[in-house]
Amino acid sequence: MSFYDLGAKGYLYALRILRRIVLLKAELDALGDAHYLMGEIYTDQKKPTIATAEFEKAALAYQQAICLEPRQADNYFSLGRVYIAQHTKDAALRI
């Protein structure tokens, strides 16, 4: 079961937890994951402006994580996932 299965209450709970992760200034890959998930939630809630901002923050966090740990494959995958969510598949293919 995921937060998506819980509907509006699940979204609110997930957003609360993800915001705490961001406020605690987690490691860059975790920060990227948090922003990506918030972007997905806002997309599902039909709030594209907020979703776009979260995807941009996620992309920046993953780019910084790649600079710090260029051999960590998960960061490249996650950055590509963000680019696809932003409908910039060309950027995803360049990774």
Protein backbone atom coordinates (compact mmCIF):
# COMPACT_ATOMS: atom_id res chain seq x y z
CA MET A 1 0.00 0.00 0.00
CA SER A 2 1.24 3.49 -0.81
CA PHE A 3 0.20 7.03 0.02
CA TYR A 4 -1.61 7.15 -3.32
CA ASP A 5 -3.94 4.39 -2.10
CA LEU A 6 -5.00 6.48 0.89
CA GLY A 7 -6.42 9.36 -1.13
CA ALA A 8 -6.41 12.95 0.10
CA LYS A 9 -5.46 12.07 3.69
CA GLY A 10 -2.57 9.97 2.45
CA TYR A 11 -1.35 12.85 0.31
CA LEU A 12 -1.47 15.26 3.24
CA TYR A 13 0.39 12.83 5.47
CA ALA A 14 3.02 12.18 2.79
CA LEU A 15 3.51 15.90 2.12
CA ARG A 16 3.97 16.55 5.83
CA ILE A 17 6.70 13.91 6.06
CA LEU A 18 8.40 15.01 2.84
CA ARG A 19 8.45 18.64 3.98
CA ARG A 20 10.18 17.55 7.18
CA ILE A 21 12.83 15.76 5.14
CA VAL A 22 13.42 18.95 3.18
CA LEU A 23 13.56 21.08 6.34
CA LEU A 24 16.09 18.72 7.90
CA LYS A 25 18.29 19.25 4.84
CA ALA A 26 18.79 15.57 4.15
CA GLU A 27 21.51 14.24 1.86
CA LEU A 28 21.14 15.45 -1.71
CA ASP A 29 19.78 12.20 -3.12
CA ALA A 30 17.17 11.97 -0.33
CA LEU A 31 16.36 15.63 -0.87
CA GLY A 32 15.89 14.96 -4.57
CA ASP A 33 13.64 12.00 -3.79
CA ALA A 34 11.52 14.14 -1.47
CA HIS A 35 11.04 16.89 -4.05
CA TYR A 36 10.31 14.33 -6.77
CA LEU A 37 7.63 12.65 -4.67
CA MET A 38 6.08 16.01 -3.79
CA GLY A 39 6.00 16.81 -7.50
CA GLU A 40 4.22 13.52 -8.19
CA ILE A 41 1.65 14.22 -5.47
CA TYR A 42 0.97 17.73 -6.77
CA THR A 43 0.66 16.34 -10.30
CA ASP A 44 -1.96 13.85 -9.10
CA GLN A 45 -3.76 16.66 -7.28
CA LYS A 46 -3.91 18.69 -10.52
CA LYS A 47 -1.59 21.43 -9.23
CA PRO A 48 0.87 21.67 -12.13
CA THR A 49 2.57 24.91 -11.08
CA ILE A 50 3.57 23.56 -7.68
CA ALA A 51 4.52 20.20 -9.24
CA THR A 52 6.82 21.91 -11.74
CA ALA A 53 8.61 23.79 -8.96
CA GLU A 54 9.15 20.57 -7.00
CA PHE A 55 10.48 18.74 -10.07
CA GLU A 56 12.93 21.60 -10.67
CA LYS A 57 14.16 21.39 -7.07
CA ALA A 58 14.51 17.62 -7.43
CA ALA A 59 16.54 18.01 -10.63
CA LEU A 60 18.90 20.47 -8.91
CA ALA A 61 19.38 18.16 -5.94
CA TYR A 62 20.13 15.17 -8.18
CA GLN A 63 22.55 17.22 -10.30
CA GLN A 64 24.42 18.25 -7.17
CA ALA A 65 24.43 14.65 -5.94
CA ILE A 66 25.90 13.54 -9.28
CA CYS A 67 28.68 16.13 -8.97
CA LEU A 68 29.53 14.84 -5.50
CA GLU A 69 29.17 11.13 -6.31
CA PRO A 70 29.55 10.63 -10.08
CA ARG A 71 29.73 6.83 -9.76
CA GLN A 72 26.36 6.53 -7.99
CA ALA A 73 24.05 5.19 -10.71
CA ASP A 74 20.82 5.79 -8.76
CA ASN A 75 21.28 9.54 -9.00
CA TYR A 76 21.46 9.39 -12.81
CA PHE A 77 18.36 7.20 -12.94
CA SER A 78 16.48 9.54 -10.62
CA LEU A 79 17.49 12.62 -12.60
CA GLY A 80 16.25 10.94 -15.78
CA ARG A 81 12.97 10.14 -14.05
CA VAL A 82 12.57 13.82 -13.13
CA TYR A 83 13.26 14.91 -16.71
CA ILE A 84 10.61 12.50 -17.97
CA ALA A 85 8.12 13.87 -15.42
CA GLN A 86 8.95 17.36 -16.75
CA HIS A 87 8.31 16.14 -20.31
CA THR A 88 11.92 16.86 -21.31
CA LYS A 89 12.79 13.46 -22.71
CA ASP A 90 15.70 14.83 -24.72
CA ALA A 91 17.40 15.87 -21.48
CA ALA A 92 16.69 12.44 -20.02
CA LEU A 93 18.34 10.75 -22.99
CA ARG A 94 21.49 12.89 -22.61
CA ILE A 95 22.22 11.62 -19.11
